Amino acid sequence: MPSASNEKEEGTFSFVDKRHRHEEQEDVQESRPVTQDESADEGPSADEGLYSAEEEELKAPPIDFSTFVLSLASNAVYSLGGFQDPVSGKTSVNLSQAKQAIDILSMIEEKTRGNLNEEEAKLIKHLLYDLRMKFVEATKK
């Protein structure tokens, strides 16, 4: 069995905590609240935002009725093979998902009838027409 002196020679090490506990306690006691002027030097303020320039570009547009409807329509178009998968480069068709997205848009059109402005009503009407035509084309293939 090797001796303690042999272990040190073979590359072992020991850990010694050299911190002084009483100094840490004094530091904690000396801490004080940071004033507003001092905190301004520490990092970005709320006005500057929490996002870098790249993240700002990737932020989604504000959610309103039009962006919501366009999001659902994009899902339907993707399910109809309208977009290539960015990883594989292939398109995939899932008619049941496309039908579901079209049905949801149709339900939204029905439930919001009379509550939309002219632009929103035209948008959903035209989207539904285009999606239904693409769906019919996809089922013929």
Protein backbone atom coordinates (compact mmCIF):
# COMPACT_ATOMS: atom_id res chain seq x y z
CA MET A 1 0.00 0.00 0.00
CA PRO A 2 1.50 3.35 -0.97
CA SER A 3 2.25 5.86 1.70
CA ALA A 4 0.85 9.41 1.91
CA SER A 5 4.12 10.84 0.65
CA ASN A 6 3.98 8.55 -2.44
CA GLU A 7 0.46 9.74 -3.27
CA LYS A 8 1.58 13.37 -3.36
CA GLU A 9 4.38 12.45 -5.73
CA GLU A 10 1.97 10.62 -8.07
CA GLY A 11 -0.01 13.80 -8.84
CA THR A 12 -2.74 13.92 -6.23
CA PHE A 13 -3.79 17.23 -4.82
CA SER A 14 -5.51 18.54 -1.80
CA PHE A 15 -8.06 21.33 -1.52
CA VAL A 16 -7.66 23.94 1.17
CA ASP A 17 -10.34 26.58 1.74
CA LYS A 18 -8.41 29.74 2.49
CA ARG A 19 -11.41 32.01 2.81
CA HIS A 20 -11.81 33.77 6.10
CA ARG A 21 -15.36 33.50 7.36
CA HIS A 22 -15.25 36.63 9.50
CA GLU A 23 -14.24 38.81 6.48
CA GLU A 24 -17.23 37.57 4.47
CA GLN A 25 -19.60 38.46 7.26
CA GLU A 26 -18.18 41.98 7.48
CA ASP A 27 -18.66 42.43 3.70
CA VAL A 28 -22.28 41.40 3.99
CA GLN A 29 -22.90 43.81 6.84
CA GLU A 30 -21.34 46.67 4.89
CA SER A 31 -23.60 46.16 1.91
CA ARG A 32 -26.23 48.81 1.32
CA PRO A 33 -29.09 49.29 -1.11
CA VAL A 34 -28.09 50.47 -4.55
CA THR A 35 -29.45 53.84 -5.54
CA GLN A 36 -31.15 54.44 -8.87
CA ASP A 37 -28.17 56.45 -10.16
CA GLU A 38 -25.78 53.62 -9.35
CA SER A 39 -27.99 50.95 -10.91
CA ALA A 40 -28.06 52.86 -14.21
CA ASP A 41 -24.35 52.15 -14.65
CA GLU A 42 -24.78 48.41 -14.18
CA GLY A 43 -26.63 47.40 -17.33
CA PRO A 44 -29.31 48.19 -19.86
CA SER A 45 -32.33 49.98 -18.56
CA ALA A 46 -35.88 48.95 -19.35
CA ASP A 47 -35.98 51.63 -22.05
CA GLU A 48 -33.02 50.07 -23.85
CA GLY A 49 -34.72 46.68 -24.02
CA LEU A 50 -33.56 43.21 -23.22
CA TYR A 51 -32.95 42.08 -26.79
CA SER A 52 -29.90 42.40 -28.99
CA ALA A 53 -30.24 43.76 -32.52
CA GLU A 54 -30.43 40.21 -33.95
CA GLU A 55 -33.13 39.21 -31.50
CA GLU A 56 -35.11 42.35 -32.34
CA GLU A 57 -35.20 41.26 -35.99
CA LEU A 58 -36.50 37.82 -35.00
CA LYS A 59 -39.27 39.15 -32.76
CA ALA A 60 -42.73 38.34 -33.98
CA PRO A 61 -45.00 41.11 -35.18
CA PRO A 62 -47.64 42.35 -32.75
CA ILE A 63 -50.59 40.00 -32.48
CA ASP A 64 -53.80 41.27 -33.96
CA PHE A 65 -56.62 39.59 -35.84
CA SER A 66 -54.80 39.70 -39.19
CA THR A 67 -51.56 38.14 -37.93
CA PHE A 68 -53.53 35.46 -36.09
CA VAL A 69 -55.50 34.55 -39.21
CA LEU A 70 -52.36 34.63 -41.37
CA SER A 71 -50.63 32.31 -38.90
CA LEU A 72 -53.43 29.76 -39.19
CA ALA A 73 -53.40 30.13 -42.98
CA SER A 74 -49.62 29.55 -43.05
CA ASN A 75 -50.11 26.32 -41.13
CA ALA A 76 -52.69 25.21 -43.68
CA VAL A 77 -50.43 26.09 -46.62
CA TYR A 78 -47.54 24.19 -45.02
CA SER A 79 -49.78 21.17 -44.51
CA LEU A 80 -50.75 21.35 -48.18
CA GLY A 81 -47.10 21.13 -49.21
CA GLY A 82 -46.73 24.84 -49.87
CA PHE A 83 -43.40 25.21 -48.05
CA GLN A 84 -40.23 23.16 -48.03
CA ASP A 85 -38.92 21.85 -44.76
CA PRO A 86 -35.85 24.00 -44.00
CA VAL A 87 -33.85 21.00 -42.79
CA SER A 88 -34.68 18.30 -45.31
CA GLY A 89 -35.68 20.53 -48.23
CA LYS A 90 -38.72 18.30 -48.83
CA THR A 91 -42.36 19.24 -48.86
CA SER A 92 -44.89 17.20 -46.98
CA VAL A 93 -48.63 16.99 -47.39
CA ASN A 94 -50.95 16.33 -44.46
CA LEU A 95 -54.51 16.79 -45.67
CA SER A 96 -56.11 16.22 -42.27
CA GLN A 97 -54.05 19.00 -40.68
CA ALA A 98 -54.78 21.30 -43.62
CA LYS A 99 -58.51 20.56 -43.36
CA GLN A 100 -58.45 21.27 -39.64
CA ALA A 101 -56.73 24.64 -40.13
CA ILE A 102 -59.21 25.56 -42.89
CA ASP A 103 -62.13 24.52 -40.69
CA ILE A 104 -60.79 26.64 -37.82
CA LEU A 105 -60.51 29.65 -40.12
CA SER A 106 -64.03 29.01 -41.37
CA MET A 107 -65.34 28.86 -37.81
CA ILE A 108 -63.55 32.10 -36.95
CA GLU A 109 -65.08 33.75 -40.02
CA GLU A 110 -68.54 32.62 -38.97
CA LYS A 111 -68.17 33.60 -35.30
CA THR A 112 -66.71 37.02 -36.06
CA ARG A 113 -69.15 37.95 -38.84
CA GLY A 114 -70.34 41.51 -38.26
CA ASN A 115 -67.53 42.24 -35.79
CA LEU A 116 -64.68 42.69 -38.27
CA ASN A 117 -63.66 45.77 -40.14
CA GLU A 118 -63.78 45.63 -43.94
CA GLU A 119 -60.09 44.82 -44.33
CA GLU A 120 -60.20 41.90 -41.86
CA ALA A 121 -63.37 40.49 -43.43
CA LYS A 122 -61.81 40.59 -46.91
CA LEU A 123 -58.61 39.00 -45.63
CA ILE A 124 -60.30 35.99 -44.08
CA LYS A 125 -62.68 35.60 -47.05
CA HIS A 126 -59.81 35.59 -49.58
CA LEU A 127 -57.62 33.33 -47.45
CA LEU A 128 -60.40 30.78 -47.11
CA TYR A 129 -61.10 30.84 -50.84
CA ASP A 130 -57.43 30.34 -51.72
CA LEU A 131 -56.94 27.60 -49.12
CA ARG A 132 -60.04 25.72 -50.22
CA MET A 133 -58.87 25.80 -53.86
CA LYS A 134 -55.42 24.53 -52.86
CA PHE A 135 -57.04 21.81 -50.76
CA VAL A 136 -59.14 20.64 -53.73
CA GLU A 137 -56.01 20.58 -55.92
CA ALA A 138 -54.09 18.60 -53.30
CA THR A 139 -56.84 15.98 -52.99
CA LYS A 140 -56.78 15.42 -56.79
CA LYS A 141 -53.08 14.48 -56.78
